[in-house]
Amino acid sequence: METRELTVVAGSFVGFQLLFSVASPRLSSIITPGYGQLPPTKLTEWNSRLVSTVHALIVGLFCLYILWFDDVVNANPVWGDPSLVKLNVAITCGYLLYDLVLLACNWSTMGDTFFVCHHLAALYAYGYVLTRGVLPYFANFRLISELSTPFVNQRWFYEALKYPRSHRLVVSNGVAMAVVFFLVRIAVMPSYWASVFATFGTPDFERLGLGAQVAWITSCIALDVLNTIWMLCY
């Protein structure tokens, strides 16, 4: 891994930690008086979800930019120039490490085995992107799923503030969450896997080696299983 990516991972970890412990409490107190009335356990989760929303917006929008405008990556999804993708992945890796530490420190109230599995699978696969620069298109494509996260978190915020479920904001967000979650996590699966299968047997695929191939396929299967479970739960 190059110094640039290491710096971004470390900066992302520290930045999200500061957002959680310093910025979120101050901003949330200003935005809504209901924040200060929450019990300590919910305050922790509130700050965590605000950080999650910020991360999702950053990497989700960056992901769309790369998908739409990075012609080199789109032309060669296995070995295209990974420069921009590695930056986006490094931001995500820093966030995932921050979130794993947060979950470990608050396991009794926030512990979630599915989230730990999701984070570890993502870090396993993204490690190949950062160290070898492989599979930039596919790594970036996975991040499009983050665009559903702000709606999921917003639903929790409304519940924490005791908004009635019939409130128009709650209903509107619920509809948007269901639609966006399905589109970016479920509906994209056929297209994604068609692109994956199209690489099988090609020289580019063979160049990856068994380690990268296994990391790529197994992590994608694990993430799609988790996304399907979450879709059914939500």
Protein backbone atom coordinates (compact mmCIF):
# COMPACT_ATOMS: atom_id res chain seq x y z
CA MET A 1 0.00 0.00 0.00
CA GLU A 2 1.37 3.41 -0.96
CA THR A 3 1.89 6.25 1.48
CA ARG A 4 -0.99 8.21 -0.03
CA GLU A 5 -3.52 5.46 0.66
CA LEU A 6 -2.16 4.83 4.16
CA THR A 7 -2.49 8.53 4.91
CA VAL A 8 -6.07 8.61 3.64
CA VAL A 9 -7.02 5.53 5.69
CA ALA A 10 -5.49 7.03 8.83
CA GLY A 11 -6.97 10.46 8.15
CA SER A 12 -10.38 8.93 7.52
CA PHE A 13 -10.21 6.96 10.77
CA VAL A 14 -9.25 10.02 12.81
CA GLY A 15 -11.65 12.33 10.98
CA PHE A 16 -14.66 10.10 11.55
CA GLN A 17 -13.67 9.64 15.19
CA LEU A 18 -13.58 13.43 15.66
CA LEU A 19 -16.90 13.76 13.86
CA PHE A 20 -18.37 11.18 16.25
CA SER A 21 -16.97 12.55 19.50
CA VAL A 22 -16.77 16.30 18.84
CA ALA A 23 -18.69 17.56 15.82
CA SER A 24 -21.82 15.41 15.98
CA PRO A 25 -22.80 16.28 19.58
CA ARG A 26 -22.42 19.99 18.91
CA LEU A 27 -24.17 20.01 15.53
CA SER A 28 -26.97 17.73 16.69
CA SER A 29 -27.67 19.89 19.74
CA ILE A 30 -28.07 22.89 17.45
CA ILE A 31 -30.18 21.09 14.84
CA THR A 32 -32.69 19.51 17.22
CA PRO A 33 -33.37 20.02 20.94
CA GLY A 34 -34.56 16.41 21.12
CA TYR A 35 -30.96 15.23 20.86
CA GLY A 36 -30.15 16.36 24.40
CA GLN A 37 -33.12 14.45 25.80
CA LEU A 38 -31.96 11.06 24.53
CA PRO A 39 -30.51 8.48 26.95
CA PRO A 40 -26.72 7.90 26.78
CA THR A 41 -26.99 4.70 24.72
CA LYS A 42 -29.10 6.44 22.08
CA LEU A 43 -26.79 9.44 22.06
CA THR A 44 -23.94 7.11 21.13
CA GLU A 45 -25.92 5.49 18.35
CA TRP A 46 -27.15 8.88 17.12
CA ASN A 47 -23.58 10.13 16.75
CA SER A 48 -22.60 6.86 15.10
CA ARG A 49 -25.41 7.12 12.56
CA LEU A 50 -24.62 10.75 11.78
CA VAL A 51 -21.04 9.70 10.99
CA SER A 52 -22.40 6.84 8.90
CA THR A 53 -24.54 9.27 6.91
CA VAL A 54 -21.61 11.60 6.24
CA HIS A 55 -19.45 8.71 5.11
CA ALA A 56 -22.19 7.35 2.85
CA LEU A 57 -22.71 10.71 1.15
CA ILE A 58 -18.98 11.23 0.57
CA VAL A 59 -18.16 7.82 -0.88
CA GLY A 60 -21.54 7.31 -2.58
CA LEU A 61 -21.31 10.53 -4.58
CA PHE A 62 -17.61 9.93 -5.30
CA CYS A 63 -18.57 6.46 -6.52
CA LEU A 64 -21.12 7.87 -8.96
CA TYR A 65 -18.57 10.35 -10.29
CA ILE A 66 -16.10 7.54 -10.98
CA LEU A 67 -18.75 5.33 -12.59
CA TRP A 68 -19.86 8.14 -14.88
CA PHE A 69 -16.59 9.87 -15.74
CA ASP A 70 -13.58 7.57 -15.14
CA ASP A 71 -13.32 6.10 -18.64
CA VAL A 72 -10.09 4.21 -17.91
CA VAL A 73 -11.66 2.21 -15.09
CA ASN A 74 -14.79 1.52 -17.09
CA ALA A 75 -12.76 0.37 -20.09
CA ASN A 76 -10.74 -2.15 -18.06
CA PRO A 77 -12.66 -3.12 -14.90
CA VAL A 78 -9.97 -5.54 -13.68
CA TRP A 79 -6.74 -3.63 -14.29
CA GLY A 80 -7.80 -0.04 -15.10
CA ASP A 81 -6.04 2.91 -13.44
CA PRO A 82 -7.19 2.65 -9.80
CA SER A 83 -6.03 6.08 -8.58
CA LEU A 84 -9.44 7.62 -7.84
CA VAL A 85 -10.96 4.31 -6.76
CA LYS A 86 -8.16 3.73 -4.25
CA LEU A 87 -8.88 7.11 -2.66
CA ASN A 88 -12.56 6.26 -2.31
CA VAL A 89 -11.78 2.80 -0.96
CA ALA A 90 -9.21 4.22 1.48
CA ILE A 91 -11.86 6.58 2.89
CA THR A 92 -14.19 3.63 3.35
CA CYS A 93 -11.51 1.46 4.97
CA GLY A 94 -10.79 4.20 7.50
CA TYR A 95 -14.49 4.42 8.26
CA LEU A 96 -14.86 0.63 8.60
CA LEU A 97 -11.95 0.49 11.05
CA TYR A 98 -13.42 3.37 13.07
CA ASP A 99 -16.81 1.63 13.14
CA LEU A 100 -15.34 -1.71 14.22
CA VAL A 101 -13.61 0.00 17.15
CA LEU A 102 -16.86 1.76 18.04
CA LEU A 103 -18.83 -1.51 17.94
CA ALA A 104 -16.22 -3.25 20.09
CA CYS A 105 -16.33 -0.48 22.69
CA ASN A 106 -20.15 -0.48 22.80
CA TRP A 107 -20.91 -4.12 22.05
CA SER A 108 -23.53 -4.53 24.77
CA THR A 109 -25.74 -1.83 23.23
CA MET A 110 -24.65 -1.62 19.58
CA GLY A 111 -23.10 -5.01 18.84
CA ASP A 112 -24.29 -6.54 15.57
CA THR A 113 -22.72 -9.70 14.16
CA PHE A 114 -24.01 -8.94 10.66
CA PHE A 115 -22.28 -5.56 10.66
CA VAL A 116 -19.01 -7.09 11.84
CA CYS A 117 -19.21 -9.71 9.07
CA HIS A 118 -20.01 -6.99 6.53
CA HIS A 119 -17.07 -4.82 7.63
CA LEU A 120 -14.57 -7.68 7.71
CA ALA A 121 -15.64 -8.96 4.28
CA ALA A 122 -15.33 -5.47 2.82
CA LEU A 123 -11.92 -4.86 4.40
CA TYR A 124 -10.70 -8.24 3.14
CA ALA A 125 -11.64 -7.45 -0.43
CA TYR A 126 -10.66 -3.77 -0.38
CA GLY A 127 -7.22 -4.73 0.93
CA TYR A 128 -6.43 -6.15 -2.50
CA VAL A 129 -7.54 -2.92 -4.15
CA LEU A 130 -5.28 -0.81 -1.93
CA THR A 131 -2.24 -3.09 -2.07
CA ARG A 132 -2.37 -4.32 -5.68
CA GLY A 133 -4.67 -1.83 -7.41
CA VAL A 134 -6.80 -4.62 -8.87
CA LEU A 135 -10.54 -4.72 -9.68
CA PRO A 136 -11.10 -0.94 -9.46
CA TYR A 137 -14.43 -0.96 -11.31
CA PHE A 138 -15.89 -3.74 -9.18
CA ALA A 139 -14.62 -2.28 -5.92
CA ASN A 140 -16.10 1.08 -6.75
CA PHE A 141 -19.38 -0.44 -7.93
CA ARG A 142 -19.89 -2.07 -4.53
CA LEU A 143 -19.79 1.36 -2.90
CA ILE A 144 -22.91 2.49 -4.75
CA SER A 145 -24.82 0.60 -2.04
CA GLU A 146 -23.87 3.33 0.44
CA LEU A 147 -26.40 5.67 -1.19
CA SER A 148 -29.18 3.89 0.72
CA THR A 149 -27.56 4.43 4.13
CA PRO A 150 -28.71 8.04 4.76
CA PHE A 151 -32.36 6.97 4.40
CA VAL A 152 -31.90 4.04 6.79
CA ASN A 153 -30.26 6.31 9.34
CA GLN A 154 -32.92 8.99 8.91
CA ARG A 155 -35.59 6.45 9.75
CA TRP A 156 -33.77 5.73 13.01
CA PHE A 157 -33.46 9.46 13.77
CA TYR A 158 -37.23 9.91 13.38
CA GLU A 159 -37.88 6.93 15.65
CA ALA A 160 -35.46 8.24 18.28
CA LEU A 161 -37.22 11.62 18.24
CA LYS A 162 -40.58 9.82 18.54
CA TYR A 163 -42.05 11.06 15.28
CA PRO A 164 -45.36 9.25 14.65
CA ARG A 165 -45.14 6.72 11.85
CA SER A 166 -47.96 8.51 10.06
CA HIS A 167 -45.98 11.76 9.87
CA ARG A 168 -45.45 12.80 6.26
CA LEU A 169 -41.67 13.05 6.72
CA VAL A 170 -41.50 9.54 8.15
CA VAL A 171 -43.69 8.15 5.36
CA SER A 172 -41.73 9.95 2.64
CA ASN A 173 -38.41 8.78 4.00
CA GLY A 174 -39.72 5.22 4.34
CA VAL A 175 -40.78 5.10 0.71
CA ALA A 176 -37.49 6.62 -0.45
CA MET A 177 -35.52 4.19 1.74
CA ALA A 178 -37.28 1.14 0.33
CA VAL A 179 -36.87 2.28 -3.27
CA VAL A 180 -33.23 3.37 -3.00
CA PHE A 181 -32.22 0.35 -0.90
CA PHE A 182 -33.69 -1.99 -3.48
CA LEU A 183 -32.17 -0.14 -6.43
CA VAL A 184 -28.59 0.17 -5.15
CA ARG A 185 -28.28 -3.08 -3.20
CA ILE A 186 -30.62 -5.62 -4.81
CA ALA A 187 -31.55 -4.55 -8.34
CA VAL A 188 -27.90 -4.04 -9.31
CA MET A 189 -26.96 -7.64 -8.52
CA PRO A 190 -27.74 -9.13 -11.97
CA SER A 191 -25.80 -6.40 -13.76
CA TYR A 192 -22.89 -6.67 -11.35
CA TRP A 193 -22.62 -10.44 -11.55
CA ALA A 194 -22.98 -10.37 -15.35
CA SER A 195 -19.90 -8.14 -15.42
CA VAL A 196 -18.11 -10.50 -13.04
CA PHE A 197 -18.90 -13.60 -15.12
CA ALA A 198 -17.79 -11.78 -18.28
CA THR A 199 -14.24 -11.63 -16.90
CA PHE A 200 -13.99 -15.36 -16.12
CA GLY A 201 -11.40 -17.12 -18.26
CA THR A 202 -9.93 -13.91 -19.65
CA PRO A 203 -6.19 -13.13 -19.40
CA ASP A 204 -7.00 -10.23 -17.05
CA PHE A 205 -8.83 -12.59 -14.71
CA GLU A 206 -6.00 -15.12 -14.75
CA ARG A 207 -3.48 -12.40 -13.89
CA LEU A 208 -5.28 -11.77 -10.61
CA GLY A 209 -4.11 -15.02 -9.08
CA LEU A 210 -6.09 -17.33 -6.82
CA GLY A 211 -5.87 -15.14 -3.70
CA ALA A 212 -7.45 -12.08 -5.31
CA GLN A 213 -10.00 -14.20 -7.15
CA VAL A 214 -11.16 -15.88 -3.94
CA ALA A 215 -11.24 -12.58 -2.00
CA TRP A 216 -13.27 -10.95 -4.75
CA ILE A 217 -15.87 -13.67 -5.25
CA THR A 218 -16.34 -14.76 -1.63
CA SER A 219 -16.63 -11.21 -0.29
CA CYS A 220 -19.17 -10.30 -2.97
CA ILE A 221 -21.28 -13.35 -2.17
CA ALA A 222 -21.15 -12.54 1.55
CA LEU A 223 -22.09 -8.89 0.99
CA ASP A 224 -24.99 -9.78 -1.31
CA VAL A 225 -26.33 -12.32 1.19
CA LEU A 226 -26.21 -9.67 3.92
CA ASN A 227 -27.87 -7.10 1.66
CA THR A 228 -30.68 -9.54 0.91
CA ILE A 229 -31.18 -10.27 4.61
CA TRP A 230 -31.25 -6.55 5.41
CA MET A 231 -33.74 -5.89 2.62
CA LEU A 232 -36.09 -8.50 4.08
CA CYS A 233 -35.62 -7.10 7.61
CA TYR A 234 -36.21 -3.49 6.60
